[in-house]
Amino acid sequence: STWGACKLAIKESIAKEIQREKMIKAGQIQDSDDNTFDPVPEITPRHFEEAMQGARRSVTDHDIRKYEMFATSLQTARGFGDFKFPTGGVDGGAPAAGGGAMDEDDLYS
């Protein structure tokens, strides 16, 4: 989940910040006056993948079937259920008036 990925990124950022502070106190690295240091500047796919390992499904099979039936009935009601272009094109494949070559200036002939 997105929320879980955010929480994991924040936890990682806090842990890296604590580790950095310990390394500064131990003299392993120097403290820079750069206030823009961000140990985890973005949420990565790894955060999402880890968050999804603990995610639960929130939609029941019954709800999915209900949605699928609604979507099918909506398509049918709108007339899109079995839409297909006619074979051979419009008018059985007969060329347009004027021999089939359309004059670019006349859009309605």
Protein backbone atom coordinates (compact mmCIF):
# COMPACT_ATOMS: atom_id res chain seq x y z
CA SER A 1 0.00 0.00 0.00
CA THR A 2 1.08 3.58 -0.51
CA TRP A 3 0.71 4.33 3.18
CA GLY A 4 2.88 1.35 4.09
CA ALA A 5 5.58 2.37 1.59
CA CYS A 6 5.65 5.88 3.08
CA LYS A 7 5.99 4.51 6.60
CA LEU A 8 8.84 2.22 5.55
CA ALA A 9 10.69 5.10 3.84
CA ILE A 10 10.30 7.28 6.95
CA LYS A 11 11.55 4.47 9.23
CA GLU A 12 14.54 3.94 6.94
CA SER A 13 15.27 7.67 6.92
CA ILE A 14 15.17 7.87 10.73
CA ALA A 15 17.44 4.81 11.06
CA LYS A 16 19.98 6.27 8.61
CA GLU A 17 19.84 9.64 10.37
CA ILE A 18 20.58 7.95 13.74
CA GLN A 19 23.42 5.96 12.15
CA ARG A 20 24.87 9.15 10.66
CA GLU A 21 24.72 10.95 14.04
CA LYS A 22 26.57 8.03 15.70
CA MET A 23 29.24 8.10 13.00
CA ILE A 24 29.70 11.86 13.50
CA LYS A 25 30.05 11.42 17.28
CA ALA A 26 32.56 8.59 16.76
CA GLY A 27 34.57 10.80 14.42
CA GLN A 28 34.12 8.44 11.46
CA ILE A 29 32.63 11.19 9.31
CA GLN A 30 32.53 14.96 9.55
CA ASP A 31 29.35 16.87 10.21
CA SER A 32 28.58 19.07 7.27
CA ASP A 33 26.62 22.26 7.68
CA ASP A 34 24.50 21.13 4.75
CA ASN A 35 20.90 21.07 5.98
CA THR A 36 19.72 19.48 2.74
CA PHE A 37 21.04 16.01 3.60
CA ASP A 38 18.24 13.49 3.05
CA PRO A 39 19.19 9.84 3.60
CA VAL A 40 16.04 8.62 1.80
CA PRO A 41 15.14 11.29 -0.77
CA GLU A 42 12.37 9.30 -2.40
CA ILE A 43 10.07 6.34 -1.98
CA THR A 44 11.42 3.56 -4.16
CA PRO A 45 9.86 0.44 -5.70
CA ARG A 46 11.61 -1.54 -2.94
CA HIS A 47 9.49 0.30 -0.33
CA PHE A 48 6.30 -0.58 -2.21
CA GLU A 49 7.33 -4.21 -2.67
CA GLU A 50 8.13 -4.56 1.02
CA ALA A 51 4.86 -2.86 2.01
CA MET A 52 2.82 -5.12 -0.27
CA GLN A 53 4.20 -8.23 1.45
CA GLY A 54 2.12 -7.35 4.49
CA ALA A 55 -0.89 -5.96 2.63
CA ARG A 56 -4.30 -7.57 2.94
CA ARG A 57 -6.89 -7.83 0.24
CA SER A 58 -9.71 -5.39 1.00
CA VAL A 59 -12.25 -6.42 -1.66
CA THR A 60 -14.23 -9.65 -1.40
CA ASP A 61 -14.89 -12.05 -4.28
CA HIS A 62 -18.57 -11.14 -4.00
CA ASP A 63 -17.76 -7.43 -4.48
CA ILE A 64 -15.59 -8.20 -7.52
CA ARG A 65 -18.37 -10.27 -9.14
CA LYS A 66 -20.88 -7.51 -8.37
CA TYR A 67 -18.63 -4.91 -10.05
CA GLU A 68 -18.04 -7.14 -13.10
CA MET A 69 -21.81 -7.65 -13.52
CA PHE A 70 -22.38 -3.89 -13.22
CA ALA A 71 -19.66 -3.12 -15.79
CA THR A 72 -21.11 -5.68 -18.23
CA SER A 73 -24.65 -4.33 -17.83
CA LEU A 74 -23.39 -0.78 -18.31
CA GLN A 75 -21.60 -1.70 -21.54
CA THR A 76 -24.68 -3.51 -22.82
CA ALA A 77 -27.01 -0.62 -21.89
CA ARG A 78 -24.79 1.81 -23.77
CA GLY A 79 -24.73 -0.45 -26.81
CA PHE A 80 -21.01 -1.23 -26.69
CA GLY A 81 -21.34 -4.86 -25.66
CA ASP A 82 -20.91 -6.49 -29.10
CA PHE A 83 -19.67 -3.58 -31.19
CA LYS A 84 -17.88 -4.54 -34.40
CA PHE A 85 -17.15 -2.62 -37.58
CA PRO A 86 -19.02 -3.92 -40.62
CA THR A 87 -17.06 -6.31 -42.80
CA GLY A 88 -15.85 -4.63 -45.98
CA GLY A 89 -16.17 -1.12 -44.55
CA VAL A 90 -19.10 1.26 -44.76
CA ASP A 91 -21.64 0.46 -47.56
CA GLY A 92 -20.08 -2.97 -48.03
CA GLY A 93 -16.76 -1.57 -49.12
CA ALA A 94 -18.07 0.63 -51.94
CA PRO A 95 -15.78 3.57 -52.72
CA ALA A 96 -16.92 7.04 -51.72
CA ALA A 97 -18.64 9.28 -54.27
CA GLY A 98 -16.17 10.81 -56.69
CA GLY A 99 -14.18 7.64 -57.33
CA GLY A 100 -12.79 7.29 -53.83
CA ALA A 101 -10.25 10.08 -54.03
CA MET A 102 -11.37 12.76 -51.62
CA ASP A 103 -10.76 16.38 -52.43
CA GLU A 104 -8.80 17.80 -49.48
CA ASP A 105 -10.76 21.06 -49.51
CA ASP A 106 -14.18 19.35 -49.50
CA LEU A 107 -14.62 17.40 -46.25
CA TYR A 108 -18.32 16.62 -46.79
CA SER A 109 -18.46 15.05 -50.25
